Amino acid sequence: MRGRRVRMKKVLGTLVVVGVAALSHAGVGTNGAVTLLQAIGGRASGMGEAYAAAGAGDVFGIHYNPAVSVADKQLGALYQRGIADDNFGGVAFAMPIAAGRVAASVIYYSVGQIEMWTNEATPRLITKNGLTDIIAALSYAKDLDKLSVGGNLKIYNSTLVEEFSTMAFMVDVGGGYAVNENVKLGVAVQNLGTSVKYGETADSLPLVIRAGAAYVKEMGSNKLTAAADVAKFGDDSTIKILVGGEYLINNMLAVRAGYKVGFDTESFTVGAGFMQQKFCVDYAFVPFGDLGTSHRLSFGLKL
């Protein structure tokens, strides 16, 4: 048992070196399951994740506020190549029903292959998948005149070096309010649930509280969206500020920019989107200072 604990510490130490940039969301404190804090979707990333009120129409918007989701049937996919050898991807589906709106998604994250020594009398150098996380979510939302409410039920499963596993269950709750046809408000509390535990020590889930506003102005075939959020991530007591904007030209080409305040490695983001009839593609460029850059791509299809 002691050898297993020693090996566990070595594995975790290796992952800190290999995956810290990919897994860390500045200032998460000592929480586990930090994959839950990954940015999801090219549009949200390009707008600096100021998405508590601005995610309407995006099939991945439920991961920022379950009350702000799509009003039509959509299918989405995303892929992100990280700044190390990590990979992040997922699929999502949303549709309206008589009693409201429902959605489902599966998100996948892998640190990639790492080298490690076996805990034997004569140690051997082997290669294993360092960390694999899967997040499955079911979402429901309902509009009540100007007010909208919603919730996500999520399951988190994580496997460390193909040997140590943990699972957690959690919920997100959110609300939205349309002040008028141009101004929207949103608030969400995320990751309320059980702890994660690979060995003998349990870590709490990273609780996220976010609130924001969005201003949307249509000008013929063009549309301007400006958004701002305040958010708290995990054990970090620092309040983060996220601002972003999008300008849609001729209902076809979108240019985006965002800025984050209070993060260690993240600040500005830029992105673009292309919409053609029922199909859209969104891209975001996210610098992480000296650590490198991340490229995020997502697709959407109206069914």
C-alpha atoms as a PDB file:
ATOM      1  CA  MET A   1       0.000   0.000   0.000  1.00  0.00           C
ATOM      2  CA  ARG A   2       2.859   2.327   0.843  1.00  0.00           C
ATOM      3  CA  GLY A   3       4.457   1.665  -2.549  1.00  0.00           C
ATOM      4  CA  ARG A   4       1.171   2.551  -4.209  1.00  0.00           C
ATOM      5  CA  ARG A   5       1.045   5.869  -2.337  1.00  0.00           C
ATOM      6  CA  VAL A   6       4.645   6.677  -3.284  1.00  0.00           C
ATOM      7  CA  ARG A   7       3.906   5.901  -6.902  1.00  0.00           C
ATOM      8  CA  MET A   8       0.782   8.032  -6.745  1.00  0.00           C
ATOM      9  CA  LYS A   9       2.825  11.006  -5.547  1.00  0.00           C
ATOM     10  CA  LYS A  10       5.333  10.502  -8.359  1.00  0.00           C
ATOM     11  CA  VAL A  11       2.559  10.339 -10.945  1.00  0.00           C
ATOM     12  CA  LEU A  12       0.937  13.512  -9.656  1.00  0.00           C
ATOM     13  CA  GLY A  13       4.294  15.260  -9.653  1.00  0.00           C
ATOM     14  CA  THR A  14       4.873  14.296 -13.258  1.00  0.00           C
ATOM     15  CA  LEU A  15       1.444  15.574 -14.278  1.00  0.00           C
ATOM     16  CA  VAL A  16       2.090  18.885 -12.579  1.00  0.00           C
ATOM     17  CA  VAL A  17       5.082  19.352 -14.864  1.00  0.00           C
ATOM     18  CA  VAL A  18       3.406  18.015 -18.007  1.00  0.00           C
ATOM     19  CA  GLY A  19      -0.099  19.392 -17.733  1.00  0.00           C
ATOM     20  CA  VAL A  20      -0.074  22.445 -15.487  1.00  0.00           C
ATOM     21  CA  ALA A  21      -0.572  24.918 -18.296  1.00  0.00           C
ATOM     22  CA  ALA A  22      -3.314  22.903 -19.899  1.00  0.00           C
ATOM     23  CA  LEU A  23      -5.203  22.130 -16.718  1.00  0.00           C
ATOM     24  CA  SER A  24      -4.767  25.257 -14.673  1.00  0.00           C
ATOM     25  CA  HIS A  25      -7.338  28.020 -14.772  1.00  0.00           C
ATOM     26  CA  ALA A  26      -5.540  30.847 -13.002  1.00  0.00           C
ATOM     27  CA  GLY A  27      -6.334  31.002  -9.354  1.00  0.00           C
ATOM     28  CA  VAL A  28      -8.352  27.820  -8.854  1.00  0.00           C
ATOM     29  CA  GLY A  29      -6.802  27.274  -5.454  1.00  0.00           C
ATOM     30  CA  THR A  30      -6.603  23.701  -4.173  1.00  0.00           C
ATOM     31  CA  ASN A  31      -9.683  22.303  -5.896  1.00  0.00           C
ATOM     32  CA  GLY A  32      -9.653  19.120  -7.926  1.00  0.00           C
ATOM     33  CA  ALA A  33     -11.283  18.406 -11.300  1.00  0.00           C
ATOM     34  CA  VAL A  34      -9.977  21.614 -12.857  1.00  0.00           C
ATOM     35  CA  THR A  35     -11.000  20.326 -16.280  1.00  0.00           C
ATOM     36  CA  LEU A  36     -14.422  21.632 -15.262  1.00  0.00           C
ATOM     37  CA  LEU A  37     -12.961  25.127 -15.685  1.00  0.00           C
ATOM     38  CA  GLN A  38     -11.826  24.679 -19.277  1.00  0.00           C
ATOM     39  CA  ALA A  39     -13.232  27.170 -21.772  1.00  0.00           C
ATOM     40  CA  ILE A  40     -15.776  25.450 -24.008  1.00  0.00           C
ATOM     41  CA  GLY A  41     -16.485  26.593 -27.559  1.00  0.00           C
ATOM     42  CA  GLY A  42     -14.803  28.908 -30.037  1.00  0.00           C
ATOM     43  CA  ARG A  43     -17.323  31.734 -29.696  1.00  0.00           C
ATOM     44  CA  ALA A  44     -17.142  31.873 -25.890  1.00  0.00           C
ATOM     45  CA  SER A  45     -13.337  31.733 -25.952  1.00  0.00           C
ATOM     46  CA  GLY A  46     -13.096  34.496 -28.543  1.00  0.00           C
ATOM     47  CA  MET A  47     -15.288  36.733 -26.367  1.00  0.00           C
ATOM     48  CA  GLY A  48     -13.130  36.243 -23.279  1.00  0.00           C
ATOM     49  CA  GLU A  49     -15.694  33.845 -21.748  1.00  0.00           C
ATOM     50  CA  ALA A  50     -18.013  36.753 -20.910  1.00  0.00           C
ATOM     51  CA  TYR A  51     -20.881  34.354 -21.453  1.00  0.00           C
ATOM     52  CA  ALA A  52     -23.234  34.419 -18.461  1.00  0.00           C
ATOM     53  CA  ALA A  53     -25.744  36.416 -20.502  1.00  0.00           C
ATOM     54  CA  ALA A  54     -24.309  36.233 -24.033  1.00  0.00           C
ATOM     55  CA  GLY A  55     -24.486  32.495 -24.744  1.00  0.00           C
ATOM     56  CA  ALA A  56     -27.958  32.410 -26.313  1.00  0.00           C
ATOM     57  CA  GLY A  57     -27.900  30.632 -29.658  1.00  0.00           C
ATOM     58  CA  ASP A  58     -24.710  28.686 -28.850  1.00  0.00           C
ATOM     59  CA  VAL A  59     -25.212  24.964 -28.229  1.00  0.00           C
ATOM     60  CA  PHE A  60     -22.236  25.057 -25.821  1.00  0.00           C
ATOM     61  CA  GLY A  61     -23.658  28.009 -23.884  1.00  0.00           C
ATOM     62  CA  ILE A  62     -25.132  25.650 -21.269  1.00  0.00           C
ATOM     63  CA  HIS A  63     -21.631  25.216 -19.836  1.00  0.00           C
ATOM     64  CA  TYR A  64     -21.656  28.876 -18.780  1.00  0.00           C
ATOM     65  CA  ASN A  65     -25.316  29.331 -17.880  1.00  0.00           C
ATOM     66  CA  PRO A  66     -27.881  26.534 -18.303  1.00  0.00           C
ATOM     67  CA  ALA A  67     -30.709  29.087 -18.503  1.00  0.00           C
ATOM     68  CA  VAL A  68     -29.220  30.701 -21.626  1.00  0.00           C
ATOM     69  CA  SER A  69     -29.433  28.047 -24.315  1.00  0.00           C
ATOM     70  CA  VAL A  70     -30.546  27.639 -27.915  1.00  0.00           C
ATOM     71  CA  ALA A  71     -34.176  27.900 -29.019  1.00  0.00           C
ATOM     72  CA  ASP A  72     -33.854  25.580 -32.030  1.00  0.00           C
ATOM     73  CA  LYS A  73     -32.509  22.106 -32.730  1.00  0.00           C
ATOM     74  CA  GLN A  74     -28.710  22.163 -32.977  1.00  0.00           C
ATOM     75  CA  LEU A  75     -25.735  19.836 -33.070  1.00  0.00           C
ATOM     76  CA  GLY A  76     -22.255  21.030 -32.092  1.00  0.00           C
ATOM     77  CA  ALA A  77     -18.684  19.756 -31.938  1.00  0.00           C
ATOM     78  CA  LEU A  78     -15.461  21.272 -30.652  1.00  0.00           C
ATOM     79  CA  TYR A  79     -11.751  20.576 -30.669  1.00  0.00           C
ATOM     80  CA  GLN A  80      -8.845  22.223 -28.925  1.00  0.00           C
ATOM     81  CA  ARG A  81      -5.153  21.442 -29.206  1.00  0.00           C
ATOM     82  CA  GLY A  82      -3.514  22.669 -26.019  1.00  0.00           C
ATOM     83  CA  ILE A  83      -0.147  24.243 -25.412  1.00  0.00           C
ATOM     84  CA  ALA A  84       1.348  20.894 -24.395  1.00  0.00           C
ATOM     85  CA  ASP A  85       0.361  17.543 -25.970  1.00  0.00           C
ATOM     86  CA  ASP A  86      -3.117  17.709 -24.487  1.00  0.00           C
ATOM     87  CA  ASN A  87      -6.362  17.396 -26.424  1.00  0.00           C
ATOM     88  CA  PHE A  88      -9.817  18.705 -25.585  1.00  0.00           C
ATOM     89  CA  GLY A  89     -12.984  17.957 -27.511  1.00  0.00           C
ATOM     90  CA  GLY A  90     -16.662  17.272 -27.282  1.00  0.00           C
ATOM     91  CA  VAL A  91     -20.105  17.109 -28.839  1.00  0.00           C
ATOM     92  CA  ALA A  92     -23.422  18.682 -27.847  1.00  0.00           C
ATOM     93  CA  PHE A  93     -27.050  18.498 -28.899  1.00  0.00           C
ATOM     94  CA  ALA A  94     -29.948  20.811 -28.048  1.00  0.00           C
ATOM     95  CA  MET A  95     -33.601  20.992 -28.992  1.00  0.00           C
ATOM     96  CA  PRO A  96     -36.848  22.658 -27.893  1.00  0.00           C
ATOM     97  CA  ILE A  97     -39.668  20.614 -26.372  1.00  0.00           C
ATOM     98  CA  ALA A  98     -43.197  21.518 -25.360  1.00  0.00           C
ATOM     99  CA  ALA A  99     -42.160  22.046 -21.736  1.00  0.00           C
ATOM    100  CA  GLY A 100     -38.972  24.026 -22.429  1.00  0.00           C
ATOM    101  CA  ARG A 101     -35.522  23.325 -23.874  1.00  0.00           C
ATOM    102  CA  VAL A 102     -33.249  20.317 -23.382  1.00  0.00           C
ATOM    103  CA  ALA A 103     -29.600  19.717 -24.209  1.00  0.00           C
ATOM    104  CA  ALA A 104     -26.900  17.115 -23.697  1.00  0.00           C
ATOM    105  CA  SER A 105     -23.133  17.158 -24.106  1.00  0.00           C
ATOM    106  CA  VAL A 106     -20.060  14.994 -23.643  1.00  0.00           C
ATOM    107  CA  ILE A 107     -16.672  16.670 -23.128  1.00  0.00           C
ATOM    108  CA  TYR A 108     -13.346  14.813 -23.328  1.00  0.00           C
ATOM    109  CA  TYR A 109      -9.915  15.873 -22.121  1.00  0.00           C
ATOM    110  CA  SER A 110      -6.580  14.030 -22.341  1.00  0.00           C
ATOM    111  CA  VAL A 111      -3.179  15.201 -21.133  1.00  0.00           C
ATOM    112  CA  GLY A 112      -1.523  12.811 -23.576  1.00  0.00           C
ATOM    113  CA  GLN A 113       1.242  10.276 -23.146  1.00  0.00           C
ATOM    114  CA  ILE A 114       3.738  10.590 -20.303  1.00  0.00           C
ATOM    115  CA  GLU A 115       6.806   8.556 -19.384  1.00  0.00           C
ATOM    116  CA  MET A 116       7.051   7.111 -15.880  1.00  0.00           C
ATOM    117  CA  TRP A 117       9.102   4.560 -13.959  1.00  0.00           C
ATOM    118  CA  THR A 118       7.469   1.413 -12.611  1.00  0.00           C
ATOM    119  CA  ASN A 119       7.560   0.767  -8.860  1.00  0.00           C
ATOM    120  CA  GLU A 120       9.540  -2.488  -9.071  1.00  0.00           C
ATOM    121  CA  ALA A 121      12.840  -3.840  -7.774  1.00  0.00           C
ATOM    122  CA  THR A 122      14.245  -3.078 -11.216  1.00  0.00           C
ATOM    123  CA  PRO A 123      12.281  -0.040 -12.424  1.00  0.00           C
ATOM    124  CA  ARG A 124      11.248   0.119 -16.074  1.00  0.00           C
ATOM    125  CA  LEU A 125      10.445   3.247 -18.069  1.00  0.00           C
ATOM    126  CA  ILE A 126       6.944   2.942 -19.521  1.00  0.00           C
ATOM    127  CA  THR A 127       4.520   5.208 -21.371  1.00  0.00           C
ATOM    128  CA  LYS A 128       0.918   5.735 -20.290  1.00  0.00           C
ATOM    129  CA  ASN A 129      -1.902   8.152 -20.898  1.00  0.00           C
ATOM    130  CA  GLY A 130      -1.334  10.662 -18.103  1.00  0.00           C
ATOM    131  CA  LEU A 131      -4.880  11.841 -17.451  1.00  0.00           C
ATOM    132  CA  THR A 132      -8.234  11.295 -19.133  1.00  0.00           C
ATOM    133  CA  ASP A 133     -11.347  13.230 -18.070  1.00  0.00           C
ATOM    134  CA  ILE A 134     -14.904  12.848 -19.349  1.00  0.00           C
ATOM    135  CA  ILE A 135     -17.734  15.245 -18.447  1.00  0.00           C
ATOM    136  CA  ALA A 136     -21.289  14.309 -19.415  1.00  0.00           C
ATOM    137  CA  ALA A 137     -24.113  16.811 -18.957  1.00  0.00           C
ATOM    138  CA  LEU A 138     -27.897  16.857 -19.287  1.00  0.00           C
ATOM    139  CA  SER A 139     -29.559  20.273 -19.337  1.00  0.00           C
ATOM    140  CA  TYR A 140     -33.067  21.684 -19.051  1.00  0.00           C
ATOM    141  CA  ALA A 141     -34.256  25.285 -19.361  1.00  0.00           C
ATOM    142  CA  LYS A 142     -37.607  27.034 -19.391  1.00  0.00           C
ATOM    143  CA  ASP A 143     -38.702  30.550 -20.293  1.00  0.00           C
ATOM    144  CA  LEU A 144     -41.129  32.350 -17.986  1.00  0.00           C
ATOM    145  CA  ASP A 145     -41.983  35.552 -19.821  1.00  0.00           C
ATOM    146  CA  LYS A 146     -38.840  37.727 -19.461  1.00  0.00           C
ATOM    147  CA  LEU A 147     -37.264  35.298 -16.990  1.00  0.00           C
ATOM    148  CA  SER A 148     -35.516  32.046 -17.886  1.00  0.00           C
ATOM    149  CA  VAL A 149     -34.324  29.323 -15.510  1.00  0.00           C
ATOM    150  CA  GLY A 150     -32.233  26.250 -16.135  1.00  0.00           C
ATOM    151  CA  GLY A 151     -30.086  23.525 -14.669  1.00  0.00           C
ATOM    152  CA  ASN A 152     -27.427  20.987 -15.637  1.00  0.00           C
ATOM    153  CA  LEU A 153     -26.859  17.540 -14.174  1.00  0.00           C
ATOM    154  CA  LYS A 154     -23.223  16.571 -14.734  1.00  0.00           C
ATOM    155  CA  ILE A 155     -21.103  13.466 -14.223  1.00  0.00           C
ATOM    156  CA  TYR A 156     -17.328  13.779 -14.063  1.00  0.00           C
ATOM    157  CA  ASN A 157     -15.097  10.721 -14.554  1.00  0.00           C
ATOM    158  CA  SER A 158     -11.312  10.911 -14.375  1.00  0.00           C
ATOM    159  CA  THR A 159      -8.601   8.294 -14.872  1.00  0.00           C
ATOM    160  CA  LEU A 160      -4.989   8.900 -13.868  1.00  0.00           C
ATOM    161  CA  VAL A 161      -2.230   6.933 -15.663  1.00  0.00           C
ATOM    162  CA  GLU A 162      -4.807   4.324 -16.701  1.00  0.00           C
ATOM    163  CA  GLU A 163      -4.988   3.086 -13.098  1.00  0.00           C
ATOM    164  CA  PHE A 164      -6.412   5.537 -10.543  1.00  0.00           C
ATOM    165  CA  SER A 165     -10.019   6.591 -11.120  1.00  0.00           C
ATOM    166  CA  THR A 166     -12.540   8.902  -9.533  1.00  0.00           C
ATOM    167  CA  MET A 167     -16.100   9.994 -10.241  1.00  0.00           C
ATOM    168  CA  ALA A 168     -18.171  12.966  -9.096  1.00  0.00           C
ATOM    169  CA  PHE A 169     -21.746  14.153  -9.549  1.00  0.00           C
ATOM    170  CA  MET A 170     -22.762  17.793  -9.633  1.00  0.00           C
ATOM    171  CA  VAL A 171     -25.388  20.305 -10.717  1.00  0.00           C
ATOM    172  CA  ASP A 172     -25.356  23.775 -12.242  1.00  0.00           C
ATOM    173  CA  VAL A 173     -28.211  26.231 -11.777  1.00  0.00           C
ATOM    174  CA  GLY A 174     -28.734  29.439 -13.695  1.00  0.00           C
ATOM    175  CA  GLY A 175     -31.101  32.243 -14.496  1.00  0.00           C
ATOM    176  CA  GLY A 176     -31.538  34.856 -17.185  1.00  0.00           C
ATOM    177  CA  TYR A 177     -33.581  38.021 -17.478  1.00  0.00           C
ATOM    178  CA  ALA A 178     -34.418  40.100 -20.543  1.00  0.00           C
ATOM    179  CA  VAL A 179     -34.497  43.728 -19.415  1.00  0.00           C
ATOM    180  CA  ASN A 180     -35.608  44.707 -22.913  1.00  0.00           C
ATOM    181  CA  GLU A 181     -34.950  43.556 -26.466  1.00  0.00           C
ATOM    182  CA  ASN A 182     -31.341  44.750 -26.248  1.00  0.00           C
ATOM    183  CA  VAL A 183     -30.170  44.113 -22.670  1.00  0.00           C
ATOM    184  CA  LYS A 184     -29.895  40.635 -21.133  1.00  0.00           C
ATOM    185  CA  LEU A 185     -28.753  39.597 -17.646  1.00  0.00           C
ATOM    186  CA  GLY A 186     -27.476  36.204 -16.507  1.00  0.00           C
ATOM    187  CA  VAL A 187     -26.296  34.481 -13.337  1.00  0.00           C
ATOM    188  CA  ALA A 188     -25.107  30.921 -12.689  1.00  0.00           C
ATOM    189  CA  VAL A 189     -23.718  28.768  -9.885  1.00  0.00           C
ATOM    190  CA  GLN A 190     -21.788  25.758 -11.138  1.00  0.00           C
ATOM    191  CA  ASN A 191     -20.267  22.508  -9.894  1.00  0.00           C
ATOM    192  CA  LEU A 192     -22.330  21.982  -6.760  1.00  0.00           C
ATOM    193  CA  GLY A 193     -21.665  18.355  -5.875  1.00  0.00           C
ATOM    194  CA  THR A 194     -19.506  15.602  -4.484  1.00  0.00           C
ATOM    195  CA  SER A 195     -15.723  15.608  -4.101  1.00  0.00           C
ATOM    196  CA  VAL A 196     -13.078  13.862  -6.222  1.00  0.00           C
ATOM    197  CA  LYS A 197     -10.700  11.326  -4.723  1.00  0.00           C
ATOM    198  CA  TYR A 198      -7.890   9.483  -6.515  1.00  0.00           C
ATOM    199  CA  GLY A 199      -6.201   8.053  -3.437  1.00  0.00           C
ATOM    200  CA  GLU A 200      -6.863   8.755   0.222  1.00  0.00           C
ATOM    201  CA  THR A 201      -7.248  12.536  -0.036  1.00  0.00           C
ATOM    202  CA  ALA A 202     -10.473  14.086  -1.305  1.00  0.00           C
ATOM    203  CA  ASP A 203     -10.574  17.425  -3.120  1.00  0.00           C
ATOM    204  CA  SER A 204     -13.638  19.614  -3.488  1.00  0.00           C
ATOM    205  CA  LEU A 205     -15.013  20.516  -6.882  1.00  0.00           C
ATOM    206  CA  PRO A 206     -14.182  24.015  -8.189  1.00  0.00           C
ATOM    207  CA  LEU A 207     -17.309  26.023  -7.393  1.00  0.00           C
ATOM    208  CA  VAL A 208     -17.964  28.728  -9.981  1.00  0.00           C
ATOM    209  CA  ILE A 209     -20.210  31.744  -9.456  1.00  0.00           C
ATOM    210  CA  ARG A 210     -20.706  34.083 -12.391  1.00  0.00           C
ATOM    211  CA  ALA A 211     -22.996  36.990 -13.226  1.00  0.00           C
ATOM    212  CA  GLY A 212     -23.069  39.131 -16.319  1.00  0.00           C
ATOM    213  CA  ALA A 213     -24.855  41.384 -18.753  1.00  0.00           C
ATOM    214  CA  ALA A 214     -25.018  41.504 -22.523  1.00  0.00           C
ATOM    215  CA  TYR A 215     -26.063  44.251 -24.918  1.00  0.00           C
ATOM    216  CA  VAL A 216     -27.251  43.156 -28.355  1.00  0.00           C
ATOM    217  CA  LYS A 217     -28.025  45.637 -31.133  1.00  0.00           C
ATOM    218  CA  GLU A 218     -29.167  44.605 -34.607  1.00  0.00           C
ATOM    219  CA  MET A 219     -28.381  47.002 -37.445  1.00  0.00           C
ATOM    220  CA  GLY A 220     -29.878  45.586 -40.602  1.00  0.00           C
ATOM    221  CA  SER A 221     -27.815  42.537 -41.542  1.00  0.00           C
ATOM    222  CA  ASN A 222     -25.153  43.443 -38.962  1.00  0.00           C
ATOM    223  CA  LYS A 223     -25.276  42.829 -35.221  1.00  0.00           C
ATOM    224  CA  LEU A 224     -23.215  44.055 -32.270  1.00  0.00           C
ATOM    225  CA  THR A 225     -22.896  42.089 -29.026  1.00  0.00           C
ATOM    226  CA  ALA A 226     -21.046  43.473 -25.992  1.00  0.00           C
ATOM    227  CA  ALA A 227     -20.809  41.474 -22.766  1.00  0.00           C
ATOM    228  CA  ALA A 228     -19.224  41.643 -19.321  1.00  0.00           C
ATOM    229  CA  ASP A 229     -19.093  39.115 -16.458  1.00  0.00           C
ATOM    230  CA  VAL A 230     -17.811  39.014 -12.919  1.00  0.00           C
ATOM    231  CA  ALA A 231     -16.869  35.556 -11.687  1.00  0.00           C
ATOM    232  CA  LYS A 232     -15.306  33.621  -8.845  1.00  0.00           C
ATOM    233  CA  PHE A 233     -13.506  30.353  -9.565  1.00  0.00           C
ATOM    234  CA  GLY A 234     -12.887  27.701  -6.928  1.00  0.00           C
ATOM    235  CA  ASP A 235     -11.053  28.538  -3.714  1.00  0.00           C
ATOM    236  CA  ASP A 236      -9.526  31.694  -5.157  1.00  0.00           C
ATOM    237  CA  SER A 237     -10.976  34.736  -3.402  1.00  0.00           C
ATOM    238  CA  THR A 238     -10.099  37.096  -6.260  1.00  0.00           C
ATOM    239  CA  ILE A 239     -13.059  38.275  -8.306  1.00  0.00           C
ATOM    240  CA  LYS A 240     -12.353  37.940 -12.013  1.00  0.00           C
ATOM    241  CA  ILE A 241     -13.646  40.325 -14.657  1.00  0.00           C
ATOM    242  CA  LEU A 242     -14.326  39.118 -18.183  1.00  0.00           C
ATOM    243  CA  VAL A 243     -15.345  41.384 -21.054  1.00  0.00           C
ATOM    244  CA  GLY A 244     -15.935  40.573 -24.686  1.00  0.00           C
ATOM    245  CA  GLY A 245     -17.535  41.677 -27.886  1.00  0.00           C
ATOM    246  CA  GLU A 246     -18.659  40.404 -31.251  1.00  0.00           C
ATOM    247  CA  TYR A 247     -19.529  42.180 -34.479  1.00  0.00           C
ATOM    248  CA  LEU A 248     -21.474  40.151 -37.010  1.00  0.00           C
ATOM    249  CA  ILE A 249     -21.192  41.403 -40.587  1.00  0.00           C
ATOM    250  CA  ASN A 250     -23.902  40.637 -43.150  1.00  0.00           C
ATOM    251  CA  ASN A 251     -25.113  37.738 -40.972  1.00  0.00           C
ATOM    252  CA  MET A 252     -22.079  35.816 -42.179  1.00  0.00           C
ATOM    253  CA  LEU A 253     -18.725  36.881 -40.727  1.00  0.00           C
ATOM    254  CA  ALA A 254     -18.152  37.541 -37.021  1.00  0.00           C
ATOM    255  CA  VAL A 255     -15.091  39.172 -35.482  1.00  0.00           C
ATOM    256  CA  ARG A 256     -14.556  38.849 -31.728  1.00  0.00           C
ATOM    257  CA  ALA A 257     -12.284  40.025 -28.951  1.00  0.00           C
ATOM    258  CA  GLY A 258     -12.157  39.579 -25.205  1.00  0.00           C
ATOM    259  CA  TYR A 259     -10.154  40.607 -22.179  1.00  0.00           C
ATOM    260  CA  LYS A 260      -9.756  38.940 -18.770  1.00  0.00           C
ATOM    261  CA  VAL A 261      -8.753  40.720 -15.560  1.00  0.00           C
ATOM    262  CA  GLY A 262      -7.340  38.908 -12.533  1.00  0.00           C
ATOM    263  CA  PHE A 263      -5.830  35.858 -14.234  1.00  0.00           C
ATOM    264  CA  ASP A 264      -2.184  34.822 -13.935  1.00  0.00           C
ATOM    265  CA  THR A 265      -1.509  33.806 -17.544  1.00  0.00           C
ATOM    266  CA  GLU A 266      -4.587  34.878 -19.533  1.00  0.00           C
ATOM    267  CA  SER A 267      -5.500  38.367 -20.687  1.00  0.00           C
ATOM    268  CA  PHE A 268      -6.722  39.089 -24.221  1.00  0.00           C
ATOM    269  CA  THR A 269      -8.387  36.752 -26.703  1.00  0.00           C
ATOM    270  CA  VAL A 270      -9.414  37.150 -30.317  1.00  0.00           C
ATOM    271  CA  GLY A 271     -11.622  35.086 -32.556  1.00  0.00           C
ATOM    272  CA  ALA A 272     -13.721  34.846 -35.673  1.00  0.00           C
ATOM    273  CA  GLY A 273     -16.755  32.994 -36.908  1.00  0.00           C
ATOM    274  CA  PHE A 274     -18.296  32.115 -40.237  1.00  0.00           C
ATOM    275  CA  MET A 275     -22.022  31.384 -40.659  1.00  0.00           C
ATOM    276  CA  GLN A 276     -23.607  30.018 -43.808  1.00  0.00           C
ATOM    277  CA  GLN A 277     -27.291  29.103 -43.730  1.00  0.00           C
ATOM    278  CA  LYS A 278     -27.501  26.323 -41.099  1.00  0.00           C
ATOM    279  CA  PHE A 279     -23.764  25.804 -40.520  1.00  0.00           C
ATOM    280  CA  CYS A 280     -21.259  27.816 -38.485  1.00  0.00           C
ATOM    281  CA  VAL A 281     -17.607  27.494 -37.534  1.00  0.00           C
ATOM    282  CA  ASP A 282     -15.951  29.448 -34.707  1.00  0.00           C
ATOM    283  CA  TYR A 283     -12.249  29.932 -33.964  1.00  0.00           C
ATOM    284  CA  ALA A 284     -10.430  31.528 -31.035  1.00  0.00           C
ATOM    285  CA  PHE A 285      -6.784  32.383 -30.420  1.00  0.00           C
ATOM    286  CA  VAL A 286      -5.923  32.391 -26.706  1.00  0.00           C
ATOM    287  CA  PRO A 287      -2.394  33.377 -25.536  1.00  0.00           C
ATOM    288  CA  PHE A 288      -1.072  32.094 -22.199  1.00  0.00           C
ATOM    289  CA  GLY A 289       1.929  34.403 -21.828  1.00  0.00           C
ATOM    290  CA  ASP A 290       5.275  32.604 -21.767  1.00  0.00           C
ATOM    291  CA  LEU A 291       3.497  29.228 -21.700  1.00  0.00           C
ATOM    292  CA  GLY A 292       2.367  29.488 -25.313  1.00  0.00           C
ATOM    293  CA  THR A 293      -0.951  29.774 -27.122  1.00  0.00           C
ATOM    294  CA  SER A 294      -4.095  27.714 -27.519  1.00  0.00           C
ATOM    295  CA  HIS A 295      -6.216  27.364 -30.660  1.00  0.00           C
ATOM    296  CA  ARG A 296      -9.896  26.547 -30.177  1.00  0.00           C
ATOM    297  CA  LEU A 297     -12.306  25.453 -32.870  1.00  0.00           C
ATOM    298  CA  SER A 298     -16.003  24.592 -32.710  1.00  0.00           C
ATOM    299  CA  PHE A 299     -18.759  23.824 -35.189  1.00  0.00           C
ATOM    300  CA  GLY A 300     -22.529  24.153 -35.118  1.00  0.00           C
ATOM    301  CA  LEU A 301     -25.282  22.769 -37.311  1.00  0.00           C
ATOM    302  CA  LYS A 302     -28.988  23.648 -37.181  1.00  0.00           C
ATOM    303  CA  LEU A 303     -31.101  20.560 -37.842  1.00  0.00           C
END
